[in-house]
């Protein structure tokens, strides 16, 4: 997948508003593979909705979203499964980890779908983010900042053309935020992938090609 194309896309809940001032909603917007985008958003502007639309969890929007000029509303369940395994990686704001599983089991679940990374590579990611001692700790017992790092590692544990990160460092200190930025750039560069990051303030430090206001 080389492009994600939003054409006059707008959450249905915004449809009765007289005007929407946004660089994303109700625009003709093309995200290109290999480029990095920062979407700055205030609360209530539809940031999480945008994530859910692009990942195919919700379709309560007006307008069109195309992947390589194919309307995503035409995709079958099987096509969505394949896209989420090979083309789209998502780090949701609420993380969507399994609290009853260990940190490593959460990451393994994703990695086993494609066998993208070796076990030693996964462990190295935990070591880089200083949570190697939490590998076998149940996620429900971790702090939110530690959970964010686990979810980030999981997002890197698959092939992707685009990776979408919704407020990925909201509960992290600057040092961990910088580390995540370096790891993200390295993985995206290796895969030639596009990066789309949303933020309501603190954002991951990357050489963004485009800054958008939601």
Protein backbone atom coordinates (compact mmCIF):
# COMPACT_ATOMS: atom_id res chain seq x y z
CA UNK A 1 0.00 0.00 0.00
CA UNK A 2 1.49 3.32 -1.10
CA UNK A 3 -1.16 5.90 -0.22
CA UNK A 4 -4.01 6.66 2.15
CA UNK A 5 -6.34 9.17 0.53
CA UNK A 6 -9.01 11.10 2.47
CA UNK A 7 -11.57 12.80 0.23
CA UNK A 8 -13.98 15.15 2.01
CA UNK A 9 -13.94 12.76 4.98
CA UNK A 10 -15.89 13.90 8.04
CA UNK A 11 -17.21 12.11 11.14
CA UNK A 12 -20.99 11.90 10.90
CA UNK A 13 -21.26 13.44 14.35
CA UNK A 14 -19.76 16.64 12.89
CA UNK A 15 -22.16 16.75 9.94
CA UNK A 16 -24.56 19.25 11.51
CA UNK A 17 -21.84 21.79 12.28
CA UNK A 18 -21.99 24.96 10.21
CA UNK A 19 -18.27 24.96 9.56
CA UNK A 20 -15.30 22.71 10.32
CA UNK A 21 -11.84 24.26 10.25
CA UNK A 22 -9.34 21.44 9.82
CA UNK A 23 -6.39 20.36 7.66
CA UNK A 24 -7.78 16.81 7.72
CA UNK A 25 -11.58 16.82 7.86
CA UNK A 26 -13.46 17.86 4.72
CA UNK A 27 -10.22 18.13 2.77
CA UNK A 28 -8.49 16.27 -0.05
CA UNK A 29 -5.56 14.77 1.84
CA UNK A 30 -3.00 12.22 0.66
CA UNK A 31 -0.70 10.35 3.05
CA UNK A 32 2.29 8.88 1.18
CA UNK A 33 4.34 5.86 2.11
CA UNK A 34 7.83 6.86 3.29
CA UNK A 35 6.79 10.22 4.73
CA UNK A 36 6.13 11.31 8.32
CA UNK A 37 3.04 13.28 9.41
CA UNK A 38 2.16 14.94 12.70
CA UNK A 39 -1.54 15.61 13.34
CA UNK A 40 -2.02 18.09 16.18
CA UNK A 41 -5.46 17.95 17.73
CA UNK A 42 -7.47 19.53 20.50
CA UNK A 43 -9.71 17.30 22.58
CA UNK A 44 -13.00 16.50 20.85
CA UNK A 45 -11.79 17.09 17.28
CA UNK A 46 -12.12 13.44 16.22
CA UNK A 47 -8.56 12.20 16.70
CA UNK A 48 -9.51 8.76 17.97
CA UNK A 49 -12.25 8.56 15.34
CA UNK A 50 -9.65 9.08 12.61
CA UNK A 51 -7.60 6.19 14.02
CA UNK A 52 -10.64 3.92 14.09
CA UNK A 53 -11.64 4.84 10.53
CA UNK A 54 -8.22 4.13 9.06
CA UNK A 55 -7.95 0.82 10.95
CA UNK A 56 -11.41 -0.22 9.81
CA UNK A 57 -12.98 -0.40 13.27
CA UNK A 58 -15.64 2.19 12.45
CA UNK A 59 -17.23 3.52 9.28
CA UNK A 60 -19.51 6.27 10.64
CA UNK A 61 -18.03 8.93 8.40
CA UNK A 62 -19.02 10.92 5.35
CA UNK A 63 -16.80 11.15 2.29
CA UNK A 64 -14.25 8.60 1.14
CA UNK A 65 -11.10 6.97 2.49
CA UNK A 66 -9.09 5.11 -0.12
CA UNK A 67 -6.09 2.81 0.23
CA UNK A 68 -4.29 2.96 -3.11
CA UNK A 69 -7.51 4.36 -4.63
CA UNK A 70 -9.67 1.49 -3.35
CA UNK A 71 -12.53 2.60 -1.10
CA UNK A 72 -12.02 1.00 2.31
CA UNK A 73 -15.77 0.51 2.76
CA UNK A 74 -15.52 -2.11 -0.01
CA UNK A 75 -13.03 -4.29 1.87
CA UNK A 76 -14.11 -7.70 3.14
CA UNK A 77 -13.26 -8.96 6.63
CA UNK A 78 -10.55 -11.16 5.08
CA UNK A 79 -9.01 -8.13 3.34
CA UNK A 80 -8.99 -6.15 6.60
CA UNK A 81 -7.28 -9.04 8.38
CA UNK A 82 -4.59 -9.12 5.71
CA UNK A 83 -4.14 -5.34 5.82
CA UNK A 84 -3.73 -5.35 9.61
CA UNK A 85 -1.19 -8.16 9.38
CA UNK A 86 0.95 -6.78 6.58
CA UNK A 87 0.20 -3.14 5.77
CA UNK A 88 -1.20 -1.24 8.76
CA UNK A 89 0.16 -1.05 12.29
CA UNK A 90 -1.73 0.88 14.94
CA UNK A 91 -0.85 2.09 18.43
CA UNK A 92 -4.14 3.14 19.98
CA UNK A 93 -4.31 5.76 22.72
CA UNK A 94 -5.98 3.22 25.03
CA UNK A 95 -3.31 0.65 24.02
CA UNK A 96 -5.68 -2.36 23.82
CA UNK A 97 -3.32 -4.73 25.58
CA UNK A 98 -4.46 -7.92 27.32
CA UNK A 99 -4.01 -7.24 31.06
CA UNK A 100 -4.07 -10.92 32.03
CA UNK A 101 -1.13 -11.72 29.71
CA UNK A 102 2.50 -10.85 30.36
CA UNK A 103 4.23 -8.03 28.50
CA UNK A 104 6.10 -10.49 26.30
CA UNK A 105 2.99 -12.58 25.60
CA UNK A 106 1.19 -9.45 24.37
CA UNK A 107 4.00 -8.76 21.90
CA UNK A 108 4.32 -12.42 20.88
CA UNK A 109 0.62 -12.58 19.97
CA UNK A 110 1.20 -9.94 17.29
CA UNK A 111 4.56 -11.25 16.15
CA UNK A 112 3.35 -14.83 15.75
CA UNK A 113 0.86 -13.74 13.08
CA UNK A 114 3.72 -13.11 10.65
CA UNK A 115 6.91 -14.26 12.42
CA UNK A 116 8.31 -10.87 11.48
CA UNK A 117 10.88 -10.60 14.29
CA UNK A 118 13.03 -13.19 16.04
CA UNK A 119 12.63 -13.65 19.80
CA UNK A 120 16.03 -12.10 20.47
CA UNK A 121 15.04 -9.02 18.45
CA UNK A 122 11.90 -8.57 20.54
CA UNK A 123 13.85 -8.92 23.79
CA UNK A 124 16.35 -6.33 22.51
CA UNK A 125 13.47 -3.85 22.06
CA UNK A 126 12.42 -4.40 25.68
CA UNK A 127 16.03 -3.84 26.77
CA UNK A 128 16.32 -0.62 24.76
CA UNK A 129 13.21 0.79 26.46
CA UNK A 130 14.40 -0.35 29.90
CA UNK A 131 11.54 -2.79 30.55
CA UNK A 132 13.38 -6.10 30.08
CA UNK A 133 12.70 -6.80 33.76
CA UNK A 134 8.96 -6.64 32.98
CA UNK A 135 8.96 -9.29 30.23
CA UNK A 136 7.13 -11.84 32.34
CA UNK A 137 5.02 -9.43 34.37
CA UNK A 138 1.30 -9.32 33.65
CA UNK A 139 0.46 -6.10 31.83
CA UNK A 140 -2.31 -5.29 34.32
CA UNK A 141 0.36 -4.82 36.98
CA UNK A 142 2.43 -2.34 34.94
CA UNK A 143 2.21 1.46 35.07
CA UNK A 144 0.57 3.17 32.11
CA UNK A 145 3.95 4.45 30.92
CA UNK A 146 5.32 0.90 30.95
CA UNK A 147 2.22 -0.31 29.14
CA UNK A 148 2.74 2.37 26.48
CA UNK A 149 6.22 0.99 25.83
CA UNK A 150 4.90 -2.58 25.56
CA UNK A 151 2.20 -1.46 23.10
CA UNK A 152 4.83 0.44 21.09
CA UNK A 153 7.04 -2.66 20.84
CA UNK A 154 4.00 -4.66 19.74
CA UNK A 155 3.29 -2.10 17.00
CA UNK A 156 6.84 -2.58 15.64
CA UNK A 157 6.48 -6.38 15.64
CA UNK A 158 4.89 -6.70 12.22
CA UNK A 159 5.45 -5.65 8.61
CA UNK A 160 3.71 -2.38 7.69
CA UNK A 161 3.41 0.23 4.96
CA UNK A 162 1.96 2.76 7.41
CA UNK A 163 2.19 2.97 11.18
CA UNK A 164 -0.34 5.11 13.03
CA UNK A 165 0.43 6.21 16.61
CA UNK A 166 -2.24 7.94 18.71
CA UNK A 167 -0.55 9.97 21.47
CA UNK A 168 2.28 7.44 21.84
CA UNK A 169 4.32 9.24 24.53
CA UNK A 170 1.65 10.93 26.66
CA UNK A 171 2.89 9.21 29.86
CA UNK A 172 6.61 8.96 29.10
CA UNK A 173 9.60 11.04 30.10
CA UNK A 174 11.70 12.83 27.47
CA UNK A 175 14.44 10.19 27.43
CA UNK A 176 12.03 7.34 26.64
CA UNK A 177 10.21 9.55 24.13
CA UNK A 178 13.47 10.18 22.28
CA UNK A 179 14.36 6.49 22.32
CA UNK A 180 10.98 5.62 20.86
CA UNK A 181 11.45 8.21 18.14
CA UNK A 182 14.80 6.68 17.15
CA UNK A 183 13.38 3.15 17.17
CA UNK A 184 10.35 4.22 15.13
CA UNK A 185 12.49 5.97 12.51
CA UNK A 186 14.79 2.98 12.23
CA UNK A 187 11.95 0.48 11.74
CA UNK A 188 9.98 2.73 9.37
CA UNK A 189 13.10 3.42 7.30
CA UNK A 190 13.85 -0.30 7.07
CA UNK A 191 10.32 -0.95 5.79
CA UNK A 192 10.07 2.24 3.69
CA UNK A 193 6.90 2.99 5.64
CA UNK A 194 4.86 6.09 6.32
CA UNK A 195 4.44 7.40 9.88
CA UNK A 196 1.31 9.18 11.12
CA UNK A 197 1.40 10.52 14.69
CA UNK A 198 -1.38 12.29 16.57
CA UNK A 199 -0.86 14.55 19.56
CA UNK A 200 -2.79 16.93 21.80
CA UNK A 201 0.43 18.47 23.12
CA UNK A 202 3.51 16.38 23.83
CA UNK A 203 4.59 14.64 20.64
CA UNK A 204 7.26 12.20 19.59
CA UNK A 205 10.25 14.04 18.11
CA UNK A 206 10.64 13.09 14.43
CA UNK A 207 11.68 14.87 11.22
CA UNK A 208 8.08 15.33 10.05
CA UNK A 209 7.41 16.08 6.41
CA UNK A 210 3.99 17.56 7.13
CA UNK A 211 2.27 19.16 10.11
CA UNK A 212 -1.54 19.08 10.11
CA UNK A 213 -4.09 20.67 12.46
CA UNK A 214 -7.12 18.50 13.12
